[in-house]
């Protein structure tokens, strides 16, 4: 079975299908909300500006 680590606390999550993890990529609602709070407070942010070239690369990755 595939495994991932919770993006906030690092707890290992094992799943058969992504839909088995209701708070994916987090282990719980608590971790999801704490992470959201960090974004709102500005502690998580994207440092690099998104150029049209970079956006095209990201969109290409999504379709592969």
N, C-alpha and C. Protein backbone atom coordinates (compact mmCIF):
# COMPACT_ATOMS: atom_id res chain seq x y z
N UNK A 1 0.84 -1.19 0.00
CA UNK A 1 0.00 0.00 0.00
C UNK A 1 0.88 1.24 0.00
N UNK A 2 0.44 2.27 -0.72
CA UNK A 2 1.20 3.53 -0.72
C UNK A 2 1.19 4.18 0.66
N UNK A 3 2.22 4.95 0.90
CA UNK A 3 2.34 5.67 2.17
C UNK A 3 2.79 7.09 1.90
N UNK A 4 2.30 8.00 2.71
CA UNK A 4 2.76 9.39 2.69
C UNK A 4 2.89 9.85 4.14
N UNK A 5 3.57 10.95 4.34
CA UNK A 5 3.67 11.56 5.66
C UNK A 5 2.76 12.77 5.70
N UNK A 6 2.10 12.97 6.84
CA UNK A 6 1.26 14.15 7.04
C UNK A 6 2.13 15.38 6.80
N UNK A 7 1.61 16.33 6.06
CA UNK A 7 2.38 17.53 5.72
C UNK A 7 2.65 18.41 6.92
N UNK A 8 1.91 18.22 8.01
CA UNK A 8 2.15 19.06 9.18
C UNK A 8 2.94 18.32 10.25
N UNK A 9 2.42 17.19 10.73
CA UNK A 9 3.05 16.53 11.88
C UNK A 9 4.01 15.41 11.50
N UNK A 10 3.95 14.96 10.24
CA UNK A 10 4.86 13.91 9.80
C UNK A 10 4.39 12.49 10.06
N UNK A 11 3.21 12.33 10.63
CA UNK A 11 2.68 10.99 10.89
C UNK A 11 2.55 10.23 9.57
N UNK A 12 2.98 8.97 9.56
CA UNK A 12 2.89 8.16 8.34
C UNK A 12 1.46 7.69 8.12
N UNK A 13 0.97 7.89 6.91
CA UNK A 13 -0.39 7.50 6.55
C UNK A 13 -0.32 6.43 5.46
N UNK A 14 -1.04 5.36 5.67
CA UNK A 14 -1.10 4.29 4.69
C UNK A 14 -2.50 4.27 4.10
N UNK A 15 -2.60 4.10 2.79
CA UNK A 15 -3.91 4.15 2.16
C UNK A 15 -3.92 3.27 0.92
N UNK A 16 -5.11 2.87 0.52
CA UNK A 16 -5.27 2.14 -0.72
C UNK A 16 -5.67 3.13 -1.82
N UNK A 17 -6.58 4.03 -1.50
CA UNK A 17 -7.03 5.08 -2.40
C UNK A 17 -6.96 6.41 -1.68
N UNK A 18 -6.67 7.48 -2.41
CA UNK A 18 -6.60 8.82 -1.81
C UNK A 18 -7.89 9.14 -1.08
N UNK A 19 -9.02 8.70 -1.63
CA UNK A 19 -10.31 9.01 -0.99
C UNK A 19 -10.43 8.38 0.40
N UNK A 20 -9.54 7.44 0.73
CA UNK A 20 -9.51 6.83 2.07
C UNK A 20 -8.99 7.80 3.12
N UNK A 21 -8.35 8.88 2.67
CA UNK A 21 -7.79 9.88 3.58
C UNK A 21 -8.61 11.16 3.46
N UNK A 22 -9.61 11.36 4.33
CA UNK A 22 -10.51 12.50 4.19
C UNK A 22 -9.82 13.86 4.31
N UNK A 23 -8.65 13.93 4.93
CA UNK A 23 -7.96 15.21 5.12
C UNK A 23 -6.67 15.28 4.31
N UNK A 24 -6.55 14.43 3.29
CA UNK A 24 -5.35 14.36 2.46
C UNK A 24 -4.88 15.75 2.06
N UNK A 25 -3.62 16.07 2.20
CA UNK A 25 -2.47 15.27 2.58
C UNK A 25 -2.14 15.33 4.07
N UNK A 26 -3.14 15.61 4.88
CA UNK A 26 -2.96 15.69 6.33
C UNK A 26 -3.59 14.48 7.00
N UNK A 27 -3.18 14.21 8.23
CA UNK A 27 -3.71 13.04 8.95
C UNK A 27 -5.03 13.35 9.65
N UNK A 28 -5.30 14.63 9.90
CA UNK A 28 -6.51 14.98 10.64
C UNK A 28 -6.95 16.40 10.31
N UNK A 29 -8.16 16.71 10.73
CA UNK A 29 -8.66 18.08 10.53
C UNK A 29 -7.79 19.07 11.30
N UNK A 30 -7.31 18.67 12.47
CA UNK A 30 -6.46 19.53 13.28
C UNK A 30 -5.21 19.96 12.52
N UNK A 31 -4.50 19.00 11.92
CA UNK A 31 -3.29 19.33 11.16
C UNK A 31 -3.62 20.21 9.96
N UNK A 32 -4.73 19.92 9.31
CA UNK A 32 -5.16 20.70 8.15
C UNK A 32 -5.41 22.16 8.56
N UNK A 33 -6.10 22.37 9.67
CA UNK A 33 -6.42 23.73 10.12
C UNK A 33 -5.18 24.47 10.63
N UNK A 34 -4.28 23.77 11.29
CA UNK A 34 -3.04 24.41 11.75
C UNK A 34 -2.24 24.89 10.54
N UNK A 35 -2.14 24.05 9.51
CA UNK A 35 -1.41 24.43 8.30
C UNK A 35 -2.08 25.63 7.63
N UNK A 36 -3.39 25.62 7.54
CA UNK A 36 -4.12 26.76 6.95
C UNK A 36 -3.82 28.04 7.74
N UNK A 37 -3.80 27.94 9.06
CA UNK A 37 -3.50 29.09 9.89
C UNK A 37 -2.11 29.65 9.62
N UNK A 38 -1.15 28.78 9.36
CA UNK A 38 0.21 29.23 9.04
C UNK A 38 0.24 30.01 7.73
N UNK A 39 -0.56 29.56 6.76
CA UNK A 39 -0.66 30.31 5.50
C UNK A 39 -1.29 31.67 5.74
N UNK A 40 -2.37 31.71 6.51
CA UNK A 40 -3.08 32.96 6.78
C UNK A 40 -2.17 33.95 7.50
N UNK A 41 -1.37 33.46 8.44
CA UNK A 41 -0.46 34.33 9.18
C UNK A 41 0.77 34.75 8.37
N UNK A 42 0.93 34.17 7.19
CA UNK A 42 2.08 34.52 6.35
C UNK A 42 3.34 33.75 6.67
N UNK A 43 3.24 32.73 7.51
CA UNK A 43 4.43 31.94 7.86
C UNK A 43 4.77 30.95 6.74
N UNK A 44 3.79 30.56 5.95
CA UNK A 44 4.02 29.79 4.73
C UNK A 44 3.78 30.77 3.59
N UNK A 45 4.68 30.81 2.65
CA UNK A 45 4.46 31.67 1.48
C UNK A 45 5.33 31.19 0.33
N UNK A 46 4.96 31.61 -0.84
CA UNK A 46 5.72 31.27 -2.04
C UNK A 46 6.65 32.44 -2.31
N UNK A 47 7.94 32.18 -2.27
CA UNK A 47 8.93 33.24 -2.39
C UNK A 47 9.18 33.65 -3.85
N UNK A 48 9.04 32.71 -4.76
CA UNK A 48 9.38 32.96 -6.15
C UNK A 48 8.16 33.47 -6.92
N UNK A 49 8.29 34.57 -7.66
CA UNK A 49 7.15 35.05 -8.43
C UNK A 49 6.79 34.04 -9.53
N UNK A 50 5.52 33.94 -9.84
CA UNK A 50 5.05 33.02 -10.86
C UNK A 50 5.08 33.72 -12.21
N UNK A 51 6.05 33.34 -13.03
CA UNK A 51 6.18 33.91 -14.37
C UNK A 51 5.30 33.11 -15.33
N UNK A 52 4.96 33.68 -16.47
CA UNK A 52 4.17 32.91 -17.45
C UNK A 52 4.86 31.61 -17.87
N UNK A 53 6.19 31.63 -17.97
CA UNK A 53 6.93 30.42 -18.35
C UNK A 53 6.79 29.34 -17.27
N UNK A 54 6.95 29.74 -16.01
CA UNK A 54 6.84 28.80 -14.90
C UNK A 54 5.42 28.24 -14.81
N UNK A 55 4.42 29.10 -15.03
CA UNK A 55 3.03 28.65 -15.00
C UNK A 55 2.79 27.61 -16.09
N UNK A 56 3.35 27.83 -17.29
CA UNK A 56 3.22 26.87 -18.37
C UNK A 56 3.84 25.53 -18.01
N UNK A 57 5.01 25.56 -17.34
CA UNK A 57 5.67 24.33 -16.91
C UNK A 57 4.80 23.57 -15.90
N UNK A 58 4.22 24.30 -14.96
CA UNK A 58 3.39 23.66 -13.93
C UNK A 58 2.14 23.05 -14.55
N UNK A 59 1.53 23.75 -15.49
CA UNK A 59 0.34 23.22 -16.15
C UNK A 59 0.68 21.98 -16.97
N UNK A 60 1.85 21.98 -17.58
CA UNK A 60 2.29 20.81 -18.35
C UNK A 60 2.48 19.61 -17.44
N UNK A 61 3.06 19.82 -16.24
CA UNK A 61 3.26 18.75 -15.28
C UNK A 61 1.92 18.16 -14.83
N UNK A 62 0.92 19.01 -14.67
CA UNK A 62 -0.40 18.56 -14.23
C UNK A 62 -1.08 17.65 -15.24
N UNK A 63 -0.79 17.84 -16.52
CA UNK A 63 -1.45 17.05 -17.55
C UNK A 63 -0.72 15.74 -17.82
N UNK A 64 0.48 15.58 -17.33
CA UNK A 64 1.26 14.35 -17.56
C UNK A 64 0.87 13.26 -16.62
